[in-house]
Every structure is written in C-alpha cells, then in structure tokens.
Amino acid sequence: MRGVALSLVTLLAATVALAQGRWIASEVAVLQALDKVTARTTVLEAKRGERVSFGTLEIVVEACHRRPPDEQPDAAAWLRVVDRRLGPEPVFAGWIFAAAPAVNMLEHAVYDLRVLACR
C-alpha cells in the first residue's frame, strides 16, 4: 500500500510540474513497444495526434513534454491506447514518464509500452 501511495504522490508532483510550465511541449514521442510473447521490441516515433500501430494496439500521443536542457533529463507523454481486439474503448489513457515508467503503466497481457523521449 505504501508503494502505491508513493507512486500516486510522484504522479501528482509530476502533473503539477507539467501544469506549471517547467516542461517543454514537443511534437514527437519516441516509444519502445514490447511484444511479451515474441520478445520483439520496436522503437516507434509518433507525432502528437497521429495514430500508430503495434500488434493489435493503436496508440495516439495526445501530449508529449520534456524537461529543459538545464534540468535532469526526463520525458512524459499522455497516451491513449486501444486494443482493436477488445473494441473501441481505451485499455489505457494517461501519462507515462520515461524516468519512472512504473508510476503509471499500460497493464496488458501481451504488450508493454515505454516512453523513451520527446522531441
């Protein structure tokens, strides 16, 4: 329970930092997608608002932000992920942070997504 509370505090702090404008908005998210069945990893580049596919997933980057060069490197992307096999409802919608992917992550039996960078 303590780990969940700490994760929520970290997510809240990062969201507040994004809202305060200490991050730089970017147009392209660099994502790493993993197929857990085949162990195949793919690096995807997705422009904000563009739909990219990996396996049965459709991923849309709603926002992507990175830290200024004079701060510790990090990136955060708001992703909306739909599994075409399961219907039109998102299986994930939220922020994923490059430096802390476990804070908020896609929980899927077959696929894993990670934010590498925003440019």
C-alpha atoms as a PDB file:
ATOM      1  CA  MET A   1       0.000   0.000   0.000  1.00  0.00           C
ATOM      2  CA  ARG A   2       2.865   2.363   0.799  1.00  0.00           C
ATOM      3  CA  GLY A   3       4.343   1.853  -2.693  1.00  0.00           C
ATOM      4  CA  VAL A   4       1.011   2.745  -4.292  1.00  0.00           C
ATOM      5  CA  ALA A   5       0.769   5.926  -2.199  1.00  0.00           C
ATOM      6  CA  LEU A   6       4.332   6.889  -3.143  1.00  0.00           C
ATOM      7  CA  SER A   7       3.569   6.283  -6.834  1.00  0.00           C
ATOM      8  CA  LEU A   8       0.468   8.456  -6.613  1.00  0.00           C
ATOM      9  CA  VAL A   9       2.437  11.245  -4.918  1.00  0.00           C
ATOM     10  CA  THR A  10       5.108  11.056  -7.636  1.00  0.00           C
ATOM     11  CA  LEU A  11       2.450  11.138 -10.374  1.00  0.00           C
ATOM     12  CA  LEU A  12       0.725  14.106  -8.735  1.00  0.00           C
ATOM     13  CA  ALA A  13       4.001  16.015  -8.348  1.00  0.00           C
ATOM     14  CA  ALA A  14       4.903  15.429 -11.987  1.00  0.00           C
ATOM     15  CA  THR A  15       1.439  16.505 -13.135  1.00  0.00           C
ATOM     16  CA  VAL A  16       1.731  19.720 -11.103  1.00  0.00           C
ATOM     17  CA  ALA A  17       5.174  20.379 -12.618  1.00  0.00           C
ATOM     18  CA  LEU A  18       3.741  19.901 -16.116  1.00  0.00           C
ATOM     19  CA  ALA A  19       0.885  22.290 -15.323  1.00  0.00           C
ATOM     20  CA  GLN A  20       3.294  24.927 -14.006  1.00  0.00           C
ATOM     21  CA  GLY A  21       5.078  25.017 -17.348  1.00  0.00           C
ATOM     22  CA  ARG A  22       8.525  23.808 -16.314  1.00  0.00           C
ATOM     23  CA  TRP A  23       8.425  21.296 -19.165  1.00  0.00           C
ATOM     24  CA  ILE A  24       8.816  21.919 -22.906  1.00  0.00           C
ATOM     25  CA  ALA A  25       5.978  20.782 -25.183  1.00  0.00           C
ATOM     26  CA  SER A  26       7.161  18.551 -28.023  1.00  0.00           C
ATOM     27  CA  GLU A  27       5.581  17.246 -31.201  1.00  0.00           C
ATOM     28  CA  VAL A  28       7.086  13.745 -31.428  1.00  0.00           C
ATOM     29  CA  ALA A  29       7.147  10.947 -28.867  1.00  0.00           C
ATOM     30  CA  VAL A  30       9.686   8.156 -29.105  1.00  0.00           C
ATOM     31  CA  LEU A  31       8.165   4.982 -27.664  1.00  0.00           C
ATOM     32  CA  GLN A  32       9.504   1.492 -27.102  1.00  0.00           C
ATOM     33  CA  ALA A  33       6.933  -1.251 -27.644  1.00  0.00           C
ATOM     34  CA  LEU A  34       7.458  -4.817 -26.445  1.00  0.00           C
ATOM     35  CA  ASP A  35       5.581  -7.921 -27.557  1.00  0.00           C
ATOM     36  CA  LYS A  36       5.899 -10.136 -24.471  1.00  0.00           C
ATOM     37  CA  VAL A  37       5.073 -13.314 -26.411  1.00  0.00           C
ATOM     38  CA  THR A  38       7.765 -12.997 -29.069  1.00  0.00           C
ATOM     39  CA  ALA A  39      10.141 -10.729 -27.081  1.00  0.00           C
ATOM     40  CA  ARG A  40      10.153  -8.377 -30.091  1.00  0.00           C
ATOM     41  CA  THR A  41      10.878  -4.744 -29.276  1.00  0.00           C
ATOM     42  CA  THR A  42      10.222  -1.899 -31.657  1.00  0.00           C
ATOM     43  CA  VAL A  43      11.000   1.785 -31.373  1.00  0.00           C
ATOM     44  CA  LEU A  44       8.077   3.861 -32.604  1.00  0.00           C
ATOM     45  CA  GLU A  45       8.004   7.556 -33.398  1.00  0.00           C
ATOM     46  CA  ALA A  46       4.571   9.125 -33.161  1.00  0.00           C
ATOM     47  CA  LYS A  47       3.629  12.712 -33.867  1.00  0.00           C
ATOM     48  CA  ARG A  48       1.157  14.288 -31.488  1.00  0.00           C
ATOM     49  CA  GLY A  49      -2.355  13.350 -32.628  1.00  0.00           C
ATOM     50  CA  GLU A  50      -1.104  10.674 -35.037  1.00  0.00           C
ATOM     51  CA  ARG A  51      -2.231   7.065 -34.690  1.00  0.00           C
ATOM     52  CA  VAL A  52       0.488   4.399 -34.745  1.00  0.00           C
ATOM     53  CA  SER A  53       0.021   0.639 -34.554  1.00  0.00           C
ATOM     54  CA  PHE A  54       1.917  -2.107 -32.800  1.00  0.00           C
ATOM     55  CA  GLY A  55       0.389  -5.570 -32.967  1.00  0.00           C
ATOM     56  CA  THR A  56      -3.287  -5.132 -32.091  1.00  0.00           C
ATOM     57  CA  LEU A  57      -2.661  -1.826 -30.305  1.00  0.00           C
ATOM     58  CA  GLU A  58      -3.465   1.598 -31.702  1.00  0.00           C
ATOM     59  CA  ILE A  59      -1.550   4.319 -29.884  1.00  0.00           C
ATOM     60  CA  VAL A  60      -2.305   8.034 -30.019  1.00  0.00           C
ATOM     61  CA  VAL A  61       0.029  10.539 -28.392  1.00  0.00           C
ATOM     62  CA  GLU A  62      -2.153  13.327 -27.008  1.00  0.00           C
ATOM     63  CA  ALA A  63       0.749  15.294 -25.474  1.00  0.00           C
ATOM     64  CA  CYS A  64       4.496  14.949 -25.097  1.00  0.00           C
ATOM     65  CA  HIS A  65       6.743  17.057 -22.861  1.00  0.00           C
ATOM     66  CA  ARG A  66      10.428  17.041 -21.990  1.00  0.00           C
ATOM     67  CA  ARG A  67      12.465  18.776 -19.336  1.00  0.00           C
ATOM     68  CA  PRO A  68      14.597  21.822 -20.206  1.00  0.00           C
ATOM     69  CA  PRO A  69      18.274  21.095 -21.004  1.00  0.00           C
ATOM     70  CA  ASP A  70      19.457  22.577 -17.692  1.00  0.00           C
ATOM     71  CA  GLU A  71      17.389  20.078 -15.650  1.00  0.00           C
ATOM     72  CA  GLN A  72      17.604  16.318 -15.126  1.00  0.00           C
ATOM     73  CA  PRO A  73      16.555  14.584 -18.382  1.00  0.00           C
ATOM     74  CA  ASP A  74      13.006  13.226 -18.440  1.00  0.00           C
ATOM     75  CA  ALA A  75      10.059  12.968 -20.781  1.00  0.00           C
ATOM     76  CA  ALA A  76       6.356  12.431 -20.241  1.00  0.00           C
ATOM     77  CA  ALA A  77       3.675  11.532 -22.764  1.00  0.00           C
ATOM     78  CA  TRP A  78      -0.101  11.340 -22.447  1.00  0.00           C
ATOM     79  CA  LEU A  79      -1.077   8.222 -24.399  1.00  0.00           C
ATOM     80  CA  ARG A  80      -4.430   6.804 -25.402  1.00  0.00           C
ATOM     81  CA  VAL A  81      -4.154   3.107 -26.273  1.00  0.00           C
ATOM     82  CA  VAL A  82      -6.876   0.971 -27.853  1.00  0.00           C
ATOM     83  CA  ASP A  83      -6.629  -2.787 -28.353  1.00  0.00           C
ATOM     84  CA  ARG A  84      -8.520  -3.459 -31.610  1.00  0.00           C
ATOM     85  CA  ARG A  85      -9.377  -6.989 -30.424  1.00  0.00           C
ATOM     86  CA  LEU A  86     -11.236  -5.615 -27.410  1.00  0.00           C
ATOM     87  CA  GLY A  87     -13.225  -2.840 -29.094  1.00  0.00           C
ATOM     88  CA  PRO A  88     -13.102   0.944 -29.333  1.00  0.00           C
ATOM     89  CA  GLU A  89     -12.703   1.718 -25.614  1.00  0.00           C
ATOM     90  CA  PRO A  90      -9.140   2.601 -24.499  1.00  0.00           C
ATOM     91  CA  VAL A  91      -7.264  -0.007 -22.493  1.00  0.00           C
ATOM     92  CA  PHE A  92      -5.024   2.808 -21.237  1.00  0.00           C
ATOM     93  CA  ALA A  93      -5.231   6.595 -21.101  1.00  0.00           C
ATOM     94  CA  GLY A  94      -2.764   8.610 -19.061  1.00  0.00           C
ATOM     95  CA  TRP A  95       0.730   9.936 -18.556  1.00  0.00           C
ATOM     96  CA  ILE A  96       3.756   7.672 -18.860  1.00  0.00           C
ATOM     97  CA  PHE A  97       7.077   9.044 -17.591  1.00  0.00           C
ATOM     98  CA  ALA A  98      10.403   7.999 -19.106  1.00  0.00           C
ATOM     99  CA  ALA A  99      12.276   8.239 -15.798  1.00  0.00           C
ATOM    100  CA  ALA A 100       9.582   6.401 -13.799  1.00  0.00           C
ATOM    101  CA  PRO A 101       7.632   4.054 -16.093  1.00  0.00           C
ATOM    102  CA  ALA A 102       6.239   2.034 -13.188  1.00  0.00           C
ATOM    103  CA  VAL A 103       4.388   5.061 -11.763  1.00  0.00           C
ATOM    104  CA  ASN A 104       1.649   4.729 -14.384  1.00  0.00           C
ATOM    105  CA  MET A 105       1.897   1.967 -16.948  1.00  0.00           C
ATOM    106  CA  LEU A 106      -0.060   0.052 -19.538  1.00  0.00           C
ATOM    107  CA  GLU A 107      -1.140  -3.230 -17.960  1.00  0.00           C
ATOM    108  CA  HIS A 108      -1.635  -5.591 -20.884  1.00  0.00           C
ATOM    109  CA  ALA A 109      -1.161  -9.350 -21.131  1.00  0.00           C
ATOM    110  CA  VAL A 110       0.734  -9.211 -24.437  1.00  0.00           C
ATOM    111  CA  TYR A 111       2.212  -5.708 -24.863  1.00  0.00           C
ATOM    112  CA  ASP A 112       4.257  -3.210 -22.928  1.00  0.00           C
ATOM    113  CA  LEU A 113       4.883   0.456 -23.798  1.00  0.00           C
ATOM    114  CA  ARG A 114       7.578   2.782 -22.561  1.00  0.00           C
ATOM    115  CA  VAL A 115       8.306   6.442 -23.305  1.00  0.00           C
ATOM    116  CA  LEU A 116      11.936   6.972 -24.303  1.00  0.00           C
ATOM    117  CA  ALA A 117      11.954  10.645 -25.278  1.00  0.00           C
ATOM    118  CA  CYS A 118      10.019  13.601 -26.622  1.00  0.00           C
ATOM    119  CA  ARG A 119      11.396  15.805 -29.404  1.00  0.00           C
END
